Amino acid sequence: MYQIIVLYGVPTDSEAFDQYYKDVHIPLVQKMPHLKSFSVSEGPITIIGGGGPYYRIALLGYEDLKSLEDSQYSSEGMKASMDAANFATGGMTALVMEVKDSLQ
């Protein structure tokens, strides 16, 4: 499985961020093809040992790397990616990683 982790910095207006994210951005992400899971943090994010402040974290899960790439480069994926400029006033970082279940 592959995941995209999106780390959103603290926005200039948290209420506007929350409203836009819920009403506009989440529905855009939900339309992306091949998406197997989509989770969003709620409440304060604590960074163990200090570090940069993050306001929200989103996790997008895909079956494999090809599905992730196809989703990101689809028209729906491009719309969702471009939409970040409309609300992520605190900046954002996106990470891609392969995930394996280590409990098995």
PDB file of N, CA and C in Angstrom:
ATOM      1  N   MET A   1       0.845  -1.177   0.000  1.00  0.00           N
ATOM      2  CA  MET A   1       0.000   0.000   0.000  1.00  0.00           C
ATOM      3  C   MET A   1       0.889   1.238   0.000  1.00  0.00           C
ATOM      4  N   TYR A   2       0.410   2.285  -0.650  1.00  0.00           N
ATOM      5  CA  TYR A   2       1.112   3.566  -0.674  1.00  0.00           C
ATOM      6  C   TYR A   2       0.234   4.633  -0.040  1.00  0.00           C
ATOM      7  N   GLN A   3       0.888   5.587   0.601  1.00  0.00           N
ATOM      8  CA  GLN A   3       0.159   6.690   1.216  1.00  0.00           C
ATOM      9  C   GLN A   3       0.777   8.022   0.826  1.00  0.00           C
ATOM     10  N   ILE A   4      -0.095   9.007   0.752  1.00  0.00           N
ATOM     11  CA  ILE A   4       0.338  10.398   0.684  1.00  0.00           C
ATOM     12  C   ILE A   4      -0.013  10.994   2.039  1.00  0.00           C
ATOM     13  N   ILE A   5       0.961  11.635   2.656  1.00  0.00           N
ATOM     14  CA  ILE A   5       0.738  12.346   3.913  1.00  0.00           C
ATOM     15  C   ILE A   5       0.836  13.832   3.592  1.00  0.00           C
ATOM     16  N   VAL A   6      -0.216  14.575   3.893  1.00  0.00           N
ATOM     17  CA  VAL A   6      -0.214  16.017   3.649  1.00  0.00           C
ATOM     18  C   VAL A   6      -0.203  16.721   5.000  1.00  0.00           C
ATOM     19  N   LEU A   7       0.830  17.520   5.233  1.00  0.00           N
ATOM     20  CA  LEU A   7       0.993  18.276   6.472  1.00  0.00           C
ATOM     21  C   LEU A   7       0.669  19.740   6.183  1.00  0.00           C
ATOM     22  N   TYR A   8      -0.371  20.241   6.807  1.00  0.00           N
ATOM     23  CA  TYR A   8      -0.771  21.639   6.617  1.00  0.00           C
ATOM     24  C   TYR A   8      -0.251  22.483   7.770  1.00  0.00           C
ATOM     25  N   GLY A   9       0.415  23.587   7.437  1.00  0.00           N
ATOM     26  CA  GLY A   9       0.871  24.524   8.452  1.00  0.00           C
ATOM     27  C   GLY A   9      -0.303  25.292   9.043  1.00  0.00           C
ATOM     28  N   VAL A  10      -0.031  26.012  10.114  1.00  0.00           N
ATOM     29  CA  VAL A  10      -1.076  26.784  10.795  1.00  0.00           C
ATOM     30  C   VAL A  10      -1.547  27.910   9.864  1.00  0.00           C
ATOM     31  N   PRO A  11      -2.848  27.942   9.543  1.00  0.00           N
ATOM     32  CA  PRO A  11      -3.359  28.960   8.619  1.00  0.00           C
ATOM     33  C   PRO A  11      -3.506  30.322   9.291  1.00  0.00           C
ATOM     34  N   THR A  12      -3.619  31.348   8.483  1.00  0.00           N
ATOM     35  CA  THR A  12      -3.824  32.695   9.022  1.00  0.00           C
ATOM     36  C   THR A  12      -5.217  32.841   9.629  1.00  0.00           C
ATOM     37  N   ASP A  13      -6.187  32.096   9.124  1.00  0.00           N
ATOM     38  CA  ASP A  13      -7.561  32.133   9.637  1.00  0.00           C
ATOM     39  C   ASP A  13      -8.059  30.693   9.747  1.00  0.00           C
ATOM     40  N   SER A  14      -7.990  30.140  10.951  1.00  0.00           N
ATOM     41  CA  SER A  14      -8.335  28.722  11.132  1.00  0.00           C
ATOM     42  C   SER A  14      -9.806  28.427  10.843  1.00  0.00           C
ATOM     43  N   GLU A  15     -10.692  29.357  11.169  1.00  0.00           N
ATOM     44  CA  GLU A  15     -12.120  29.127  10.892  1.00  0.00           C
ATOM     45  C   GLU A  15     -12.385  29.058   9.394  1.00  0.00           C
ATOM     46  N   ALA A  16     -11.765  29.948   8.637  1.00  0.00           N
ATOM     47  CA  ALA A  16     -11.928  29.938   7.179  1.00  0.00           C
ATOM     48  C   ALA A  16     -11.334  28.659   6.593  1.00  0.00           C
ATOM     49  N   PHE A  17     -10.162  28.247   7.108  1.00  0.00           N
ATOM     50  CA  PHE A  17      -9.539  27.001   6.660  1.00  0.00           C
ATOM     51  C   PHE A  17     -10.491  25.839   6.887  1.00  0.00           C
ATOM     52  N   ASP A  18     -10.990  25.702   8.115  1.00  0.00           N
ATOM     53  CA  ASP A  18     -11.868  24.579   8.466  1.00  0.00           C
ATOM     54  C   ASP A  18     -13.108  24.526   7.585  1.00  0.00           C
ATOM     55  N   GLN A  19     -13.736  25.667   7.386  1.00  0.00           N
ATOM     56  CA  GLN A  19     -14.968  25.712   6.589  1.00  0.00           C
ATOM     57  C   GLN A  19     -14.694  25.322   5.142  1.00  0.00           C
ATOM     58  N   TYR A  20     -13.651  25.902   4.561  1.00  0.00           N
ATOM     59  CA  TYR A  20     -13.316  25.621   3.168  1.00  0.00           C
ATOM     60  C   TYR A  20     -12.892  24.164   3.004  1.00  0.00           C
ATOM     61  N   TYR A  21     -12.074  23.682   3.920  1.00  0.00           N
ATOM     62  CA  TYR A  21     -11.573  22.305   3.843  1.00  0.00           C
ATOM     63  C   TYR A  21     -12.739  21.319   3.862  1.00  0.00           C
ATOM     64  N   LYS A  22     -13.683  21.542   4.774  1.00  0.00           N
ATOM     65  CA  LYS A  22     -14.835  20.650   4.921  1.00  0.00           C
ATOM     66  C   LYS A  22     -15.786  20.747   3.729  1.00  0.00           C
ATOM     67  N   ASP A  23     -16.099  21.956   3.326  1.00  0.00           N
ATOM     68  CA  ASP A  23     -17.134  22.163   2.309  1.00  0.00           C
ATOM     69  C   ASP A  23     -16.656  22.012   0.870  1.00  0.00           C
ATOM     70  N   VAL A  24     -15.385  22.308   0.618  1.00  0.00           N
ATOM     71  CA  VAL A  24     -14.890  22.318  -0.759  1.00  0.00           C
ATOM     72  C   VAL A  24     -13.801  21.271  -1.003  1.00  0.00           C
ATOM     73  N   HIS A  25     -12.755  21.280  -0.162  1.00  0.00           N
ATOM     74  CA  HIS A  25     -11.596  20.442  -0.469  1.00  0.00           C
ATOM     75  C   HIS A  25     -11.868  18.949  -0.260  1.00  0.00           C
ATOM     76  N   ILE A  26     -12.469  18.580   0.845  1.00  0.00           N
ATOM     77  CA  ILE A  26     -12.746  17.156   1.084  1.00  0.00           C
ATOM     78  C   ILE A  26     -13.589  16.554  -0.042  1.00  0.00           C
ATOM     79  N   PRO A  27     -14.665  17.207  -0.494  1.00  0.00           N
ATOM     80  CA  PRO A  27     -15.420  16.636  -1.618  1.00  0.00           C
ATOM     81  C   PRO A  27     -14.580  16.473  -2.892  1.00  0.00           C
ATOM     82  N   LEU A  28     -13.625  17.377  -3.132  1.00  0.00           N
ATOM     83  CA  LEU A  28     -12.744  17.229  -4.291  1.00  0.00           C
ATOM     84  C   LEU A  28     -11.865  15.992  -4.150  1.00  0.00           C
ATOM     85  N   VAL A  29     -11.290  15.804  -2.972  1.00  0.00           N
ATOM     86  CA  VAL A  29     -10.423  14.644  -2.736  1.00  0.00           C
ATOM     87  C   VAL A  29     -11.223  13.348  -2.862  1.00  0.00           C
ATOM     88  N   GLN A  30     -12.432  13.332  -2.353  1.00  0.00           N
ATOM     89  CA  GLN A  30     -13.263  12.127  -2.400  1.00  0.00           C
ATOM     90  C   GLN A  30     -13.584  11.684  -3.824  1.00  0.00           C
ATOM     91  N   LYS A  31     -13.473  12.575  -4.795  1.00  0.00           N
ATOM     92  CA  LYS A  31     -13.743  12.236  -6.197  1.00  0.00           C
ATOM     93  C   LYS A  31     -12.527  11.661  -6.915  1.00  0.00           C
ATOM     94  N   MET A  32     -11.368  11.663  -6.262  1.00  0.00           N
ATOM     95  CA  MET A  32     -10.152  11.176  -6.910  1.00  0.00           C
ATOM     96  C   MET A  32     -10.242   9.665  -7.135  1.00  0.00           C
ATOM     97  N   PRO A  33      -9.874   9.202  -8.338  1.00  0.00           N
ATOM     98  CA  PRO A  33      -9.957   7.767  -8.623  1.00  0.00           C
ATOM     99  C   PRO A  33      -8.913   6.966  -7.846  1.00  0.00           C
ATOM    100  N   HIS A  34      -9.216   5.710  -7.626  1.00  0.00           N
ATOM    101  CA  HIS A  34      -8.318   4.720  -6.999  1.00  0.00           C
ATOM    102  C   HIS A  34      -8.045   4.962  -5.519  1.00  0.00           C
ATOM    103  N   LEU A  35      -8.676   5.937  -4.909  1.00  0.00           N
ATOM    104  CA  LEU A  35      -8.450   6.248  -3.498  1.00  0.00           C
ATOM    105  C   LEU A  35      -9.070   5.148  -2.635  1.00  0.00           C
ATOM    106  N   LYS A  36      -8.250   4.470  -1.827  1.00  0.00           N
ATOM    107  CA  LYS A  36      -8.719   3.376  -0.964  1.00  0.00           C
ATOM    108  C   LYS A  36      -9.059   3.851   0.439  1.00  0.00           C
ATOM    109  N   SER A  37      -8.383   4.895   0.903  1.00  0.00           N
ATOM    110  CA  SER A  37      -8.658   5.430   2.238  1.00  0.00           C
ATOM    111  C   SER A  37      -8.320   6.917   2.249  1.00  0.00           C
ATOM    112  N   PHE A  38      -9.010   7.638   3.123  1.00  0.00           N
ATOM    113  CA  PHE A  38      -8.790   9.078   3.260  1.00  0.00           C
ATOM    114  C   PHE A  38      -9.127   9.447   4.695  1.00  0.00           C
ATOM    115  N   SER A  39      -8.117   9.868   5.455  1.00  0.00           N
ATOM    116  CA  SER A  39      -8.292  10.229   6.862  1.00  0.00           C
ATOM    117  C   SER A  39      -7.766  11.638   7.086  1.00  0.00           C
ATOM    118  N   VAL A  40      -8.419  12.343   8.000  1.00  0.00           N
ATOM    119  CA  VAL A  40      -8.021  13.713   8.317  1.00  0.00           C
ATOM    120  C   VAL A  40      -7.949  13.860   9.832  1.00  0.00           C
ATOM    121  N   SER A  41      -6.890  14.500  10.317  1.00  0.00           N
ATOM    122  CA  SER A  41      -6.746  14.717  11.755  1.00  0.00           C
ATOM    123  C   SER A  41      -7.813  15.672  12.263  1.00  0.00           C
ATOM    124  N   GLU A  42      -8.133  15.532  13.541  1.00  0.00           N
ATOM    125  CA  GLU A  42      -9.070  16.430  14.223  1.00  0.00           C
ATOM    126  C   GLU A  42      -8.392  16.921  15.492  1.00  0.00           C
ATOM    127  N   GLY A  43      -8.581  18.171  15.817  1.00  0.00           N
ATOM    128  CA  GLY A  43      -8.023  18.705  17.053  1.00  0.00           C
ATOM    129  C   GLY A  43      -6.547  19.022  16.945  1.00  0.00           C
ATOM    130  N   PRO A  44      -5.950  19.405  18.070  1.00  0.00           N
ATOM    131  CA  PRO A  44      -4.544  19.811  18.090  1.00  0.00           C
ATOM    132  C   PRO A  44      -3.611  18.666  17.712  1.00  0.00           C
ATOM    133  N   ILE A  45      -2.517  19.013  17.059  1.00  0.00           N
ATOM    134  CA  ILE A  45      -1.487  18.042  16.695  1.00  0.00           C
ATOM    135  C   ILE A  45      -0.292  18.288  17.601  1.00  0.00           C
ATOM    136  N   THR A  46       0.122  17.264  18.306  1.00  0.00           N
ATOM    137  CA  THR A  46       1.260  17.360  19.215  1.00  0.00           C
ATOM    138  C   THR A  46       2.489  16.771  18.538  1.00  0.00           C
ATOM    139  N   ILE A  47       3.586  17.503  18.560  1.00  0.00           N
ATOM    140  CA  ILE A  47       4.833  17.025  17.979  1.00  0.00           C
ATOM    141  C   ILE A  47       5.751  16.617  19.118  1.00  0.00           C
ATOM    142  N   ILE A  48       6.080  15.345  19.176  1.00  0.00           N
ATOM    143  CA  ILE A  48       6.942  14.823  20.238  1.00  0.00           C
ATOM    144  C   ILE A  48       8.334  15.433  20.080  1.00  0.00           C
ATOM    145  N   GLY A  49       8.843  16.038  21.131  1.00  0.00           N
ATOM    146  CA  GLY A  49      10.168  16.641  21.104  1.00  0.00           C
ATOM    147  C   GLY A  49      10.214  18.012  20.446  1.00  0.00           C
ATOM    148  N   GLY A  50       9.057  18.599  20.183  1.00  0.00           N
ATOM    149  CA  GLY A  50       9.025  19.921  19.561  1.00  0.00           C
ATOM    150  C   GLY A  50       9.042  19.824  18.047  1.00  0.00           C
ATOM    151  N   GLY A  51       9.290  20.919  17.382  1.00  0.00           N
ATOM    152  CA  GLY A  51       9.327  20.923  15.919  1.00  0.00           C
ATOM    153  C   GLY A  51       8.315  21.882  15.343  1.00  0.00           C
ATOM    154  N   GLY A  52       8.171  21.814  14.040  1.00  0.00           N
ATOM    155  CA  GLY A  52       7.282  22.730  13.329  1.00  0.00           C
ATOM    156  C   GLY A  52       5.822  22.539  13.670  1.00  0.00           C
ATOM    157  N   PRO A  53       5.067  23.625  13.657  1.00  0.00           N
ATOM    158  CA  PRO A  53       3.645  23.538  13.980  1.00  0.00           C
ATOM    159  C   PRO A  53       2.826  23.075  12.774  1.00  0.00           C
ATOM    160  N   TYR A  54       1.964  22.128  13.005  1.00  0.00           N
ATOM    161  CA  TYR A  54       1.041  21.665  11.964  1.00  0.00           C
ATOM    162  C   TYR A  54      -0.375  21.831  12.468  1.00  0.00           C
ATOM    163  N   TYR A  55      -1.248  22.197  11.567  1.00  0.00           N
ATOM    164  CA  TYR A  55      -2.643  22.428  11.917  1.00  0.00           C
ATOM    165  C   TYR A  55      -3.520  21.222  11.580  1.00  0.00           C
ATOM    166  N   ARG A  56      -3.223  20.595  10.464  1.00  0.00           N
ATOM    167  CA  ARG A  56      -4.048  19.481  10.002  1.00  0.00           C
ATOM    168  C   ARG A  56      -3.156  18.506   9.246  1.00  0.00           C
ATOM    169  N   ILE A  57      -3.471  17.219   9.334  1.00  0.00           N
ATOM    170  CA  ILE A  57      -2.762  16.189   8.580  1.00  0.00           C
ATOM    171  C   ILE A  57      -3.799  15.349   7.858  1.00  0.00           C
ATOM    172  N   ALA A  58      -3.545  15.089   6.577  1.00  0.00           N
ATOM    173  CA  ALA A  58      -4.425  14.229   5.790  1.00  0.00           C
ATOM    174  C   ALA A  58      -3.627  13.027   5.295  1.00  0.00           C
ATOM    175  N   LEU A  59      -4.247  11.856   5.323  1.00  0.00           N
ATOM    176  CA  LEU A  59      -3.638  10.620   4.837  1.00  0.00           C
ATOM    177  C   LEU A  59      -4.496  10.066   3.707  1.00  0.00           C
ATOM    178  N   LEU A  60      -3.885   9.864   2.553  1.00  0.00           N
ATOM    179  CA  LEU A  60      -4.578   9.300   1.401  1.00  0.00           C
ATOM    180  C   LEU A  60      -3.932   7.961   1.078  1.00  0.00           C
ATOM    181  N   GLY A  61      -4.719   6.899   1.028  1.00  0.00           N
ATOM    182  CA  GLY A  61      -4.182   5.562   0.815  1.00  0.00           C
ATOM    183  C   GLY A  61      -4.525   4.997  -0.554  1.00  0.00           C
ATOM    184  N   TYR A  62      -3.557   4.300  -1.144  1.00  0.00           N
ATOM    185  CA  TYR A  62      -3.710   3.689  -2.463  1.00  0.00           C
ATOM    186  C   TYR A  62      -3.178   2.261  -2.440  1.00  0.00           C
ATOM    187  N   GLU A  63      -3.734   1.428  -3.294  1.00  0.00           N
ATOM    188  CA  GLU A  63      -3.334   0.021  -3.383  1.00  0.00           C
ATOM    189  C   GLU A  63      -1.871  -0.128  -3.801  1.00  0.00           C
ATOM    190  N   ASP A  64      -1.426   0.683  -4.765  1.00  0.00           N
ATOM    191  CA  ASP A  64      -0.060   0.579  -5.276  1.00  0.00           C
ATOM    192  C   ASP A  64       0.381   1.931  -5.841  1.00  0.00           C
ATOM    193  N   LEU A  65       1.641   2.004  -6.231  1.00  0.00           N
ATOM    194  CA  LEU A  65       2.205   3.268  -6.710  1.00  0.00           C
ATOM    195  C   LEU A  65       1.540   3.728  -8.007  1.00  0.00           C
ATOM    196  N   LYS A  66       1.239   2.808  -8.899  1.00  0.00           N
ATOM    197  CA  LYS A  66       0.587   3.181 -10.154  1.00  0.00           C
ATOM    198  C   LYS A  66      -0.777   3.813  -9.889  1.00  0.00           C
ATOM    199  N   SER A  67      -1.546   3.241  -8.979  1.00  0.00           N
ATOM    200  CA  SER A  67      -2.856   3.807  -8.629  1.00  0.00           C
ATOM    201  C   SER A  67      -2.701   5.213  -8.057  1.00  0.00           C
ATOM    202  N   LEU A  68      -1.703   5.402  -7.200  1.00  0.00           N
ATOM    203  CA  LEU A  68      -1.438   6.718  -6.618  1.00  0.00           C
ATOM    204  C   LEU A  68      -1.110   7.727  -7.716  1.00  0.00           C
ATOM    205  N   GLU A  69      -0.196   7.356  -8.606  1.00  0.00           N
ATOM    206  CA  GLU A  69       0.205   8.269  -9.676  1.00  0.00           C
ATOM    207  C   GLU A  69      -0.955   8.568 -10.620  1.00  0.00           C
ATOM    208  N   ASP A  70      -1.710   7.532 -11.001  1.00  0.00           N
ATOM    209  CA  ASP A  70      -2.865   7.744 -11.881  1.00  0.00           C
ATOM    210  C   ASP A  70      -3.870   8.687 -11.230  1.00  0.00           C
ATOM    211  N   SER A  71      -4.077   8.539  -9.934  1.00  0.00           N
ATOM    212  CA  SER A  71      -5.011   9.387  -9.203  1.00  0.00           C
ATOM    213  C   SER A  71      -4.522  10.829  -9.154  1.00  0.00           C
ATOM    214  N   GLN A  72      -3.260  11.009  -8.837  1.00  0.00           N
ATOM    215  CA  GLN A  72      -2.707  12.360  -8.720  1.00  0.00           C
ATOM    216  C   GLN A  72      -2.721  13.109 -10.044  1.00  0.00           C
ATOM    217  N   TYR A  73      -2.496  12.391 -11.152  1.00  0.00           N
ATOM    218  CA  TYR A  73      -2.432  13.036 -12.464  1.00  0.00           C
ATOM    219  C   TYR A  73      -3.769  13.040 -13.197  1.00  0.00           C
ATOM    220  N   SER A  74      -4.806  12.530 -12.564  1.00  0.00           N
ATOM    221  CA  SER A  74      -6.146  12.594 -13.145  1.00  0.00           C
ATOM    222  C   SER A  74      -6.663  14.027 -13.051  1.00  0.00           C
ATOM    223  N   SER A  75      -7.722  14.335 -13.788  1.00  0.00           N
ATOM    224  CA  SER A  75      -8.281  15.691 -13.703  1.00  0.00           C
ATOM    225  C   SER A  75      -8.771  15.988 -12.290  1.00  0.00           C
ATOM    226  N   GLU A  76      -9.343  14.982 -11.617  1.00  0.00           N
ATOM    227  CA  GLU A  76      -9.813  15.165 -10.237  1.00  0.00           C
ATOM    228  C   GLU A  76      -8.648  15.405  -9.283  1.00  0.00           C
ATOM    229  N   GLY A  77      -7.566  14.658  -9.473  1.00  0.00           N
ATOM    230  CA  GLY A  77      -6.382  14.831  -8.636  1.00  0.00           C
ATOM    231  C   GLY A  77      -5.735  16.191  -8.829  1.00  0.00           C
ATOM    232  N   MET A  78      -5.688  16.639 -10.079  1.00  0.00           N
ATOM    233  CA  MET A  78      -5.112  17.951 -10.361  1.00  0.00           C
ATOM    234  C   MET A  78      -5.968  19.061  -9.747  1.00  0.00           C
ATOM    235  N   LYS A  79      -7.291  18.920  -9.815  1.00  0.00           N
ATOM    236  CA  LYS A  79      -8.180  19.919  -9.203  1.00  0.00           C
ATOM    237  C   LYS A  79      -7.949  19.997  -7.697  1.00  0.00           C
ATOM    238  N   ALA A  80      -7.851  18.834  -7.050  1.00  0.00           N
ATOM    239  CA  ALA A  80      -7.632  18.813  -5.600  1.00  0.00           C
ATOM    240  C   ALA A  80      -6.278  19.425  -5.245  1.00  0.00           C
ATOM    241  N   SER A  81      -5.244  19.088  -6.007  1.00  0.00           N
ATOM    242  CA  SER A  81      -3.908  19.638  -5.736  1.00  0.00           C
ATOM    243  C   SER A  81      -3.878  21.150  -5.918  1.00  0.00           C
ATOM    244  N   MET A  82      -4.460  21.623  -6.996  1.00  0.00           N
ATOM    245  CA  MET A  82      -4.474  23.062  -7.272  1.00  0.00           C
ATOM    246  C   MET A  82      -5.335  23.821  -6.262  1.00  0.00           C
ATOM    247  N   ASP A  83      -6.329  23.150  -5.696  1.00  0.00           N
ATOM    248  CA  ASP A  83      -7.235  23.793  -4.747  1.00  0.00           C
ATOM    249  C   ASP A  83      -6.531  24.209  -3.456  1.00  0.00           C
ATOM    250  N   ALA A  84      -5.429  23.561  -3.108  1.00  0.00           N
ATOM    251  CA  ALA A  84      -4.728  23.878  -1.858  1.00  0.00           C
ATOM    252  C   ALA A  84      -4.357  25.358  -1.773  1.00  0.00           C
ATOM    253  N   ALA A  85      -4.085  25.974  -2.903  1.00  0.00           N
ATOM    254  CA  ALA A  85      -3.728  27.401  -2.906  1.00  0.00           C
ATOM    255  C   ALA A  85      -4.871  28.278  -2.401  1.00  0.00           C
ATOM    256  N   ASN A  86      -6.087  27.745  -2.405  1.00  0.00           N
ATOM    257  CA  ASN A  86      -7.252  28.523  -1.977  1.00  0.00           C
ATOM    258  C   ASN A  86      -7.459  28.558  -0.463  1.00  0.00           C
ATOM    259  N   PHE A  87      -6.766  27.691   0.280  1.00  0.00           N
ATOM    260  CA  PHE A  87      -7.016  27.651   1.727  1.00  0.00           C
ATOM    261  C   PHE A  87      -5.773  27.391   2.572  1.00  0.00           C
ATOM    262  N   ALA A  88      -4.708  26.835   2.025  1.00  0.00           N
ATOM    263  CA  ALA A  88      -3.526  26.444   2.809  1.00  0.00           C
ATOM    264  C   ALA A  88      -2.587  27.634   2.992  1.00  0.00           C
ATOM    265  N   THR A  89      -3.057  28.655   3.698  1.00  0.00           N
ATOM    266  CA  THR A  89      -2.279  29.880   3.886  1.00  0.00           C
ATOM    267  C   THR A  89      -1.050  29.674   4.768  1.00  0.00           C
ATOM    268  N   GLY A  90      -1.020  28.583   5.532  1.00  0.00           N
ATOM    269  CA  GLY A  90       0.130  28.267   6.367  1.00  0.00           C
ATOM    270  C   GLY A  90       1.122  27.350   5.674  1.00  0.00           C
ATOM    271  N   GLY A  91       0.892  27.095   4.384  1.00  0.00           N
ATOM    272  CA  GLY A  91       1.760  26.207   3.622  1.00  0.00           C
ATOM    273  C   GLY A  91       1.395  24.749   3.828  1.00  0.00           C
ATOM    274  N   MET A  92       1.985  23.901   3.016  1.00  0.00           N
ATOM    275  CA  MET A  92       1.736  22.471   3.137  1.00  0.00           C
ATOM    276  C   MET A  92       2.924  21.703   2.590  1.00  0.00           C
ATOM    277  N   THR A  93       3.091  20.493   3.117  1.00  0.00           N
ATOM    278  CA  THR A  93       4.116  19.569   2.654  1.00  0.00           C
ATOM    279  C   THR A  93       3.428  18.249   2.368  1.00  0.00           C
ATOM    280  N   ALA A  94       3.726  17.648   1.215  1.00  0.00           N
ATOM    281  CA  ALA A  94       3.146  16.348   0.870  1.00  0.00           C
ATOM    282  C   ALA A  94       4.268  15.322   0.757  1.00  0.00           C
ATOM    283  N   LEU A  95       4.083  14.185   1.402  1.00  0.00           N
ATOM    284  CA  LEU A  95       5.053  13.096   1.403  1.00  0.00           C
ATOM    285  C   LEU A  95       4.403  11.854   0.802  1.00  0.00           C
ATOM    286  N   VAL A  96       5.164  11.080   0.039  1.00  0.00           N
ATOM    287  CA  VAL A  96       4.678   9.814  -0.513  1.00  0.00           C
ATOM    288  C   VAL A  96       5.536   8.706   0.068  1.00  0.00           C
ATOM    289  N   MET A  97       4.872   7.626   0.512  1.00  0.00           N
ATOM    290  CA  MET A  97       5.637   6.515   1.080  1.00  0.00           C
ATOM    291  C   MET A  97       4.914   5.197   0.859  1.00  0.00           C
ATOM    292  N   GLU A  98       5.695   4.137   0.818  1.00  0.00           N
ATOM    293  CA  GLU A  98       5.132   2.794   0.785  1.00  0.00           C
ATOM    294  C   GLU A  98       4.927   2.355   2.230  1.00  0.00           C
ATOM    295  N   VAL A  99       3.796   1.720   2.494  1.00  0.00           N
ATOM    296  CA  VAL A  99       3.455   1.293   3.845  1.00  0.00           C
ATOM    297  C   VAL A  99       3.288  -0.218   3.861  1.00  0.00           C
ATOM    298  N   LYS A 100       3.920  -0.872   4.821  1.00  0.00           N
ATOM    299  CA  LYS A 100       3.771  -2.318   4.994  1.00  0.00           C
ATOM    300  C   LYS A 100       3.342  -2.593   6.419  1.00  0.00           C
ATOM    301  N   ASP A 101       2.453  -3.542   6.582  1.00  0.00           N
ATOM    302  CA  ASP A 101       1.975  -3.929   7.909  1.00  0.00           C
ATOM    303  C   ASP A 101       3.088  -4.683   8.630  1.00  0.00           C
ATOM    304  N   SER A 102       3.600  -4.128   9.689  1.00  0.00           N
ATOM    305  CA  SER A 102       4.701  -4.742  10.432  1.00  0.00           C
ATOM    306  C   SER A 102       4.231  -5.652  11.552  1.00  0.00           C
ATOM    307  N   LEU A 103       2.925  -5.788  11.746  1.00  0.00           N
ATOM    308  CA  LEU A 103       2.401  -6.668  12.789  1.00  0.00           C
ATOM    309  C   LEU A 103       2.214  -8.099  12.301  1.00  0.00           C
ATOM    310  N   GLN A 104       2.349  -8.318  11.028  1.00  0.00           N
ATOM    311  CA  GLN A 104       2.149  -9.671  10.491  1.00  0.00           C
ATOM    312  C   GLN A 104       3.447 -10.425  10.416  1.00  0.00           C
TER     313      GLN A 104
END
